[in-house]
Amino acid sequence: MAKQLNISDEHLLNYLDGTLNPQERNTIEQLLKADQQVALRLDALRSIHDYLLTSRADEPSKNFTQRVMERLQYPATSGYSPLNGILLLTGVLVAVGIAAVLLASGVFDTTTTLDLNQLVVPNKYLDENLPSIAVNGKLIVNLIILVNIALAFIVLDRAVLKPWFERRRELNLL
């Protein structure tokens, strides 16, 4: 029995395309004569190869892009409904108001010192004392209030003002 050679579909496709060198081509032709399975596989690949060479790709209709864009409702909406935006905006403003009242009443006026040496941390690698950090509560709360106000402006723009102005523009265009 002749020795079994493994041949890949890629080699057979290259044989069909005529891109093999003469030595590889002769080797495949000898294998085709000797092995019926390889010959059957080549016939299957030849039918696929011939079909792909003779078939044309379908062309989309001329208004294909327009129909797709209409279905996408381009430009896309922001994803916020005006009611959810107003509720989120109200929540942000309430949080800012509570923080401002607490700040004005002096709850955060004290400066606290955080001593890192009191933390239970294995001190294998450091022989020196860790520093103490002064924490100013008033500064932290002011930063939180500023971040919340920035968030409120973003929500106001995206969820309330943008849909409102888009509706007005659409009404003016009609």
C-alpha atoms as a PDB file:
ATOM      1  CA  MET A   1       0.000   0.000   0.000  1.00  0.00           C
ATOM      2  CA  ALA A   2       1.331   3.442  -0.885  1.00  0.00           C
ATOM      3  CA  LYS A   3       2.239   5.759   1.935  1.00  0.00           C
ATOM      4  CA  GLN A   4      -0.562   8.136   2.985  1.00  0.00           C
ATOM      5  CA  LEU A   5       0.259  11.805   2.405  1.00  0.00           C
ATOM      6  CA  ASN A   6      -1.698  14.546   4.089  1.00  0.00           C
ATOM      7  CA  ILE A   7      -2.739  17.264   1.703  1.00  0.00           C
ATOM      8  CA  SER A   8      -4.677  20.326   2.731  1.00  0.00           C
ATOM      9  CA  ASP A   9      -7.569  22.015   0.996  1.00  0.00           C
ATOM     10  CA  GLU A  10      -5.306  25.025   0.575  1.00  0.00           C
ATOM     11  CA  HIS A  11      -2.897  22.965  -1.566  1.00  0.00           C
ATOM     12  CA  LEU A  12      -5.794  21.664  -3.638  1.00  0.00           C
ATOM     13  CA  LEU A  13      -7.162  25.196  -4.130  1.00  0.00           C
ATOM     14  CA  ASN A  14      -3.708  26.392  -5.161  1.00  0.00           C
ATOM     15  CA  TYR A  15      -3.645  23.469  -7.634  1.00  0.00           C
ATOM     16  CA  LEU A  16      -6.975  24.639  -9.072  1.00  0.00           C
ATOM     17  CA  ASP A  17      -5.728  28.231  -9.277  1.00  0.00           C
ATOM     18  CA  GLY A  18      -2.513  27.107 -11.000  1.00  0.00           C
ATOM     19  CA  THR A  19      -0.243  28.795  -8.468  1.00  0.00           C
ATOM     20  CA  LEU A  20       1.870  25.748  -7.580  1.00  0.00           C
ATOM     21  CA  ASN A  21       5.389  25.188  -8.873  1.00  0.00           C
ATOM     22  CA  PRO A  22       5.846  22.229 -11.274  1.00  0.00           C
ATOM     23  CA  GLN A  23       7.219  19.891  -8.587  1.00  0.00           C
ATOM     24  CA  GLU A  24       4.259  20.485  -6.233  1.00  0.00           C
ATOM     25  CA  ARG A  25       1.855  20.138  -9.144  1.00  0.00           C
ATOM     26  CA  ASN A  26       3.344  16.758 -10.125  1.00  0.00           C
ATOM     27  CA  THR A  27       3.182  15.565  -6.509  1.00  0.00           C
ATOM     28  CA  ILE A  28      -0.519  16.444  -6.255  1.00  0.00           C
ATOM     29  CA  GLU A  29      -1.288  14.821  -9.633  1.00  0.00           C
ATOM     30  CA  GLN A  30       0.393  11.604  -8.506  1.00  0.00           C
ATOM     31  CA  LEU A  31      -1.521  11.706  -5.241  1.00  0.00           C
ATOM     32  CA  LEU A  32      -4.794  12.230  -7.122  1.00  0.00           C
ATOM     33  CA  LYS A  33      -4.125   9.093  -9.182  1.00  0.00           C
ATOM     34  CA  ALA A  34      -3.225   7.075  -6.079  1.00  0.00           C
ATOM     35  CA  ASP A  35      -5.855   8.254  -3.557  1.00  0.00           C
ATOM     36  CA  GLN A  36      -9.557   8.258  -4.412  1.00  0.00           C
ATOM     37  CA  GLN A  37     -10.457  10.363  -1.312  1.00  0.00           C
ATOM     38  CA  VAL A  38      -8.194  13.216  -2.432  1.00  0.00           C
ATOM     39  CA  ALA A  39      -9.677  13.050  -5.934  1.00  0.00           C
ATOM     40  CA  LEU A  40     -13.207  13.276  -4.521  1.00  0.00           C
ATOM     41  CA  ARG A  41     -12.202  16.208  -2.345  1.00  0.00           C
ATOM     42  CA  LEU A  42     -10.661  17.952  -5.374  1.00  0.00           C
ATOM     43  CA  ASP A  43     -13.893  17.449  -7.342  1.00  0.00           C
ATOM     44  CA  ALA A  44     -15.915  19.017  -4.503  1.00  0.00           C
ATOM     45  CA  LEU A  45     -13.518  21.953  -4.264  1.00  0.00           C
ATOM     46  CA  ARG A  46     -13.531  22.327  -8.072  1.00  0.00           C
ATOM     47  CA  SER A  47     -17.324  22.690  -8.121  1.00  0.00           C
ATOM     48  CA  ILE A  48     -17.184  25.321  -5.360  1.00  0.00           C
ATOM     49  CA  HIS A  49     -14.267  27.049  -7.073  1.00  0.00           C
ATOM     50  CA  ASP A  50     -16.075  27.148 -10.439  1.00  0.00           C
ATOM     51  CA  TYR A  51     -19.278  28.428  -8.842  1.00  0.00           C
ATOM     52  CA  LEU A  52     -17.429  31.249  -7.091  1.00  0.00           C
ATOM     53  CA  LEU A  53     -15.645  32.211 -10.299  1.00  0.00           C
ATOM     54  CA  THR A  54     -18.873  32.390 -12.319  1.00  0.00           C
ATOM     55  CA  SER A  55     -21.226  33.950  -9.769  1.00  0.00           C
ATOM     56  CA  ARG A  56     -21.624  37.670  -9.276  1.00  0.00           C
ATOM     57  CA  ALA A  57     -22.112  39.414  -5.977  1.00  0.00           C
ATOM     58  CA  ASP A  58     -25.568  40.893  -5.514  1.00  0.00           C
ATOM     59  CA  GLU A  59     -25.700  44.653  -5.827  1.00  0.00           C
ATOM     60  CA  PRO A  60     -27.820  46.558  -3.316  1.00  0.00           C
ATOM     61  CA  SER A  61     -30.579  48.778  -4.622  1.00  0.00           C
ATOM     62  CA  LYS A  62     -29.833  52.425  -5.270  1.00  0.00           C
ATOM     63  CA  ASN A  63     -31.839  53.625  -2.268  1.00  0.00           C
ATOM     64  CA  PHE A  64     -30.440  50.956   0.105  1.00  0.00           C
ATOM     65  CA  THR A  65     -28.388  53.409   2.170  1.00  0.00           C
ATOM     66  CA  GLN A  66     -31.279  55.843   2.449  1.00  0.00           C
ATOM     67  CA  ARG A  67     -33.650  53.102   3.668  1.00  0.00           C
ATOM     68  CA  VAL A  68     -31.141  51.860   6.261  1.00  0.00           C
ATOM     69  CA  MET A  69     -30.521  55.373   7.573  1.00  0.00           C
ATOM     70  CA  GLU A  70     -34.263  56.030   7.870  1.00  0.00           C
ATOM     71  CA  ARG A  71     -34.697  52.835   9.888  1.00  0.00           C
ATOM     72  CA  LEU A  72     -31.856  53.840  12.179  1.00  0.00           C
ATOM     73  CA  GLN A  73     -33.612  57.175  12.810  1.00  0.00           C
ATOM     74  CA  TYR A  74     -30.338  58.996  12.371  1.00  0.00           C
ATOM     75  CA  PRO A  75     -29.272  61.054  14.294  1.00  0.00           C
ATOM     76  CA  ALA A  76     -29.766  58.755  17.238  1.00  0.00           C
ATOM     77  CA  THR A  77     -31.498  60.093  20.308  1.00  0.00           C
ATOM     78  CA  SER A  78     -29.578  60.617  23.524  1.00  0.00           C
ATOM     79  CA  GLY A  79     -31.182  57.640  25.263  1.00  0.00           C
ATOM     80  CA  TYR A  80     -32.637  59.712  28.098  1.00  0.00           C
ATOM     81  CA  SER A  81     -36.326  60.317  28.292  1.00  0.00           C
ATOM     82  CA  PRO A  82     -37.197  63.841  29.403  1.00  0.00           C
ATOM     83  CA  LEU A  83     -39.054  62.524  32.472  1.00  0.00           C
ATOM     84  CA  ASN A  84     -36.079  60.408  33.585  1.00  0.00           C
ATOM     85  CA  GLY A  85     -33.788  63.349  32.925  1.00  0.00           C
ATOM     86  CA  ILE A  86     -35.905  65.653  35.066  1.00  0.00           C
ATOM     87  CA  LEU A  87     -36.012  63.071  37.872  1.00  0.00           C
ATOM     88  CA  LEU A  88     -32.236  62.594  37.711  1.00  0.00           C
ATOM     89  CA  LEU A  89     -31.704  66.340  37.615  1.00  0.00           C
ATOM     90  CA  THR A  90     -33.985  66.751  40.655  1.00  0.00           C
ATOM     91  CA  GLY A  91     -32.020  64.099  42.557  1.00  0.00           C
ATOM     92  CA  VAL A  92     -28.713  65.760  41.758  1.00  0.00           C
ATOM     93  CA  LEU A  93     -30.010  69.177  42.821  1.00  0.00           C
ATOM     94  CA  VAL A  94     -31.403  67.741  46.094  1.00  0.00           C
ATOM     95  CA  ALA A  95     -28.010  66.142  46.854  1.00  0.00           C
ATOM     96  CA  VAL A  96     -26.258  69.453  46.120  1.00  0.00           C
ATOM     97  CA  GLY A  97     -28.749  71.304  48.321  1.00  0.00           C
ATOM     98  CA  ILE A  98     -28.289  68.925  51.273  1.00  0.00           C
ATOM     99  CA  ALA A  99     -24.499  69.131  50.951  1.00  0.00           C
ATOM    100  CA  ALA A 100     -24.651  72.941  50.787  1.00  0.00           C
ATOM    101  CA  VAL A 101     -26.855  73.129  53.913  1.00  0.00           C
ATOM    102  CA  LEU A 102     -24.516  70.802  55.832  1.00  0.00           C
ATOM    103  CA  LEU A 103     -21.525  72.804  54.647  1.00  0.00           C
ATOM    104  CA  ALA A 104     -23.105  76.113  55.681  1.00  0.00           C
ATOM    105  CA  SER A 105     -23.983  74.774  59.139  1.00  0.00           C
ATOM    106  CA  GLY A 106     -20.320  73.996  59.779  1.00  0.00           C
ATOM    107  CA  VAL A 107     -20.521  70.204  59.954  1.00  0.00           C
ATOM    108  CA  PHE A 108     -17.361  69.850  57.865  1.00  0.00           C
ATOM    109  CA  ASP A 109     -15.326  72.739  59.335  1.00  0.00           C
ATOM    110  CA  THR A 110     -12.874  70.585  61.270  1.00  0.00           C
ATOM    111  CA  THR A 111      -9.714  69.261  59.724  1.00  0.00           C
ATOM    112  CA  THR A 112      -9.049  65.637  60.575  1.00  0.00           C
ATOM    113  CA  THR A 113      -5.608  64.090  60.569  1.00  0.00           C
ATOM    114  CA  LEU A 114      -5.353  60.568  59.259  1.00  0.00           C
ATOM    115  CA  ASP A 115      -2.366  58.825  60.862  1.00  0.00           C
ATOM    116  CA  LEU A 116      -1.254  55.981  58.611  1.00  0.00           C
ATOM    117  CA  ASN A 117       0.893  54.488  61.378  1.00  0.00           C
ATOM    118  CA  GLN A 118      -2.246  53.492  63.285  1.00  0.00           C
ATOM    119  CA  LEU A 119      -3.433  51.305  60.428  1.00  0.00           C
ATOM    120  CA  VAL A 120      -2.766  47.612  60.824  1.00  0.00           C
ATOM    121  CA  VAL A 121      -0.427  47.073  57.906  1.00  0.00           C
ATOM    122  CA  PRO A 122       2.425  44.580  57.904  1.00  0.00           C
ATOM    123  CA  ASN A 123       5.544  46.668  58.113  1.00  0.00           C
ATOM    124  CA  LYS A 124       7.976  44.154  56.593  1.00  0.00           C
ATOM    125  CA  TYR A 125       9.550  46.447  54.066  1.00  0.00           C
ATOM    126  CA  LEU A 126       9.459  49.858  55.739  1.00  0.00           C
ATOM    127  CA  ASP A 127      11.407  50.768  58.841  1.00  0.00           C
ATOM    128  CA  GLU A 128      10.341  54.393  58.715  1.00  0.00           C
ATOM    129  CA  ASN A 129       7.135  55.901  60.016  1.00  0.00           C
ATOM    130  CA  LEU A 130       4.385  56.533  57.541  1.00  0.00           C
ATOM    131  CA  PRO A 131       3.221  60.140  57.056  1.00  0.00           C
ATOM    132  CA  SER A 132       0.087  61.665  58.507  1.00  0.00           C
ATOM    133  CA  ILE A 133      -2.431  63.107  56.065  1.00  0.00           C
ATOM    134  CA  ALA A 134      -4.582  66.136  56.877  1.00  0.00           C
ATOM    135  CA  VAL A 135      -8.120  65.677  55.567  1.00  0.00           C
ATOM    136  CA  ASN A 136     -10.124  68.855  55.086  1.00  0.00           C
ATOM    137  CA  GLY A 137     -13.804  67.876  55.079  1.00  0.00           C
ATOM    138  CA  LYS A 138     -14.926  71.269  53.805  1.00  0.00           C
ATOM    139  CA  LEU A 139     -12.705  70.984  50.715  1.00  0.00           C
ATOM    140  CA  ILE A 140     -13.900  67.453  49.964  1.00  0.00           C
ATOM    141  CA  VAL A 141     -17.576  68.421  50.239  1.00  0.00           C
ATOM    142  CA  ASN A 142     -16.979  71.480  48.028  1.00  0.00           C
ATOM    143  CA  LEU A 143     -15.433  69.218  45.382  1.00  0.00           C
ATOM    144  CA  ILE A 144     -18.369  66.820  45.612  1.00  0.00           C
ATOM    145  CA  ILE A 145     -20.784  69.730  45.173  1.00  0.00           C
ATOM    146  CA  LEU A 146     -18.881  70.974  42.098  1.00  0.00           C
ATOM    147  CA  VAL A 147     -18.912  67.513  40.525  1.00  0.00           C
ATOM    148  CA  ASN A 148     -22.664  67.220  41.168  1.00  0.00           C
ATOM    149  CA  ILE A 149     -23.321  70.626  39.625  1.00  0.00           C
ATOM    150  CA  ALA A 150     -21.315  69.624  36.533  1.00  0.00           C
ATOM    151  CA  LEU A 151     -23.321  66.388  36.360  1.00  0.00           C
ATOM    152  CA  ALA A 152     -26.545  68.385  36.661  1.00  0.00           C
ATOM    153  CA  PHE A 153     -25.574  70.574  33.693  1.00  0.00           C
ATOM    154  CA  ILE A 154     -24.739  67.518  31.581  1.00  0.00           C
ATOM    155  CA  VAL A 155     -28.044  65.827  32.449  1.00  0.00           C
ATOM    156  CA  LEU A 156     -29.927  69.058  31.842  1.00  0.00           C
ATOM    157  CA  ASP A 157     -28.324  69.420  28.418  1.00  0.00           C
ATOM    158  CA  ARG A 158     -28.703  65.807  27.277  1.00  0.00           C
ATOM    159  CA  ALA A 159     -32.033  64.823  28.774  1.00  0.00           C
ATOM    160  CA  VAL A 160     -34.067  68.011  28.834  1.00  0.00           C
ATOM    161  CA  LEU A 161     -32.723  70.793  26.617  1.00  0.00           C
ATOM    162  CA  LYS A 162     -31.522  68.762  23.630  1.00  0.00           C
ATOM    163  CA  PRO A 163     -34.852  66.903  23.086  1.00  0.00           C
ATOM    164  CA  TRP A 164     -36.777  70.134  23.633  1.00  0.00           C
ATOM    165  CA  PHE A 165     -34.740  72.053  21.040  1.00  0.00           C
ATOM    166  CA  GLU A 166     -34.885  69.115  18.585  1.00  0.00           C
ATOM    167  CA  ARG A 167     -38.693  69.041  18.828  1.00  0.00           C
ATOM    168  CA  ARG A 168     -38.854  72.810  18.254  1.00  0.00           C
ATOM    169  CA  ARG A 169     -36.557  72.517  15.235  1.00  0.00           C
ATOM    170  CA  GLU A 170     -38.690  69.713  13.765  1.00  0.00           C
ATOM    171  CA  LEU A 171     -41.837  71.769  14.263  1.00  0.00           C
ATOM    172  CA  ASN A 172     -40.242  74.759  12.545  1.00  0.00           C
ATOM    173  CA  LEU A 173     -39.167  72.589   9.594  1.00  0.00           C
ATOM    174  CA  LEU A 174     -42.724  71.317   9.047  1.00  0.00           C
END
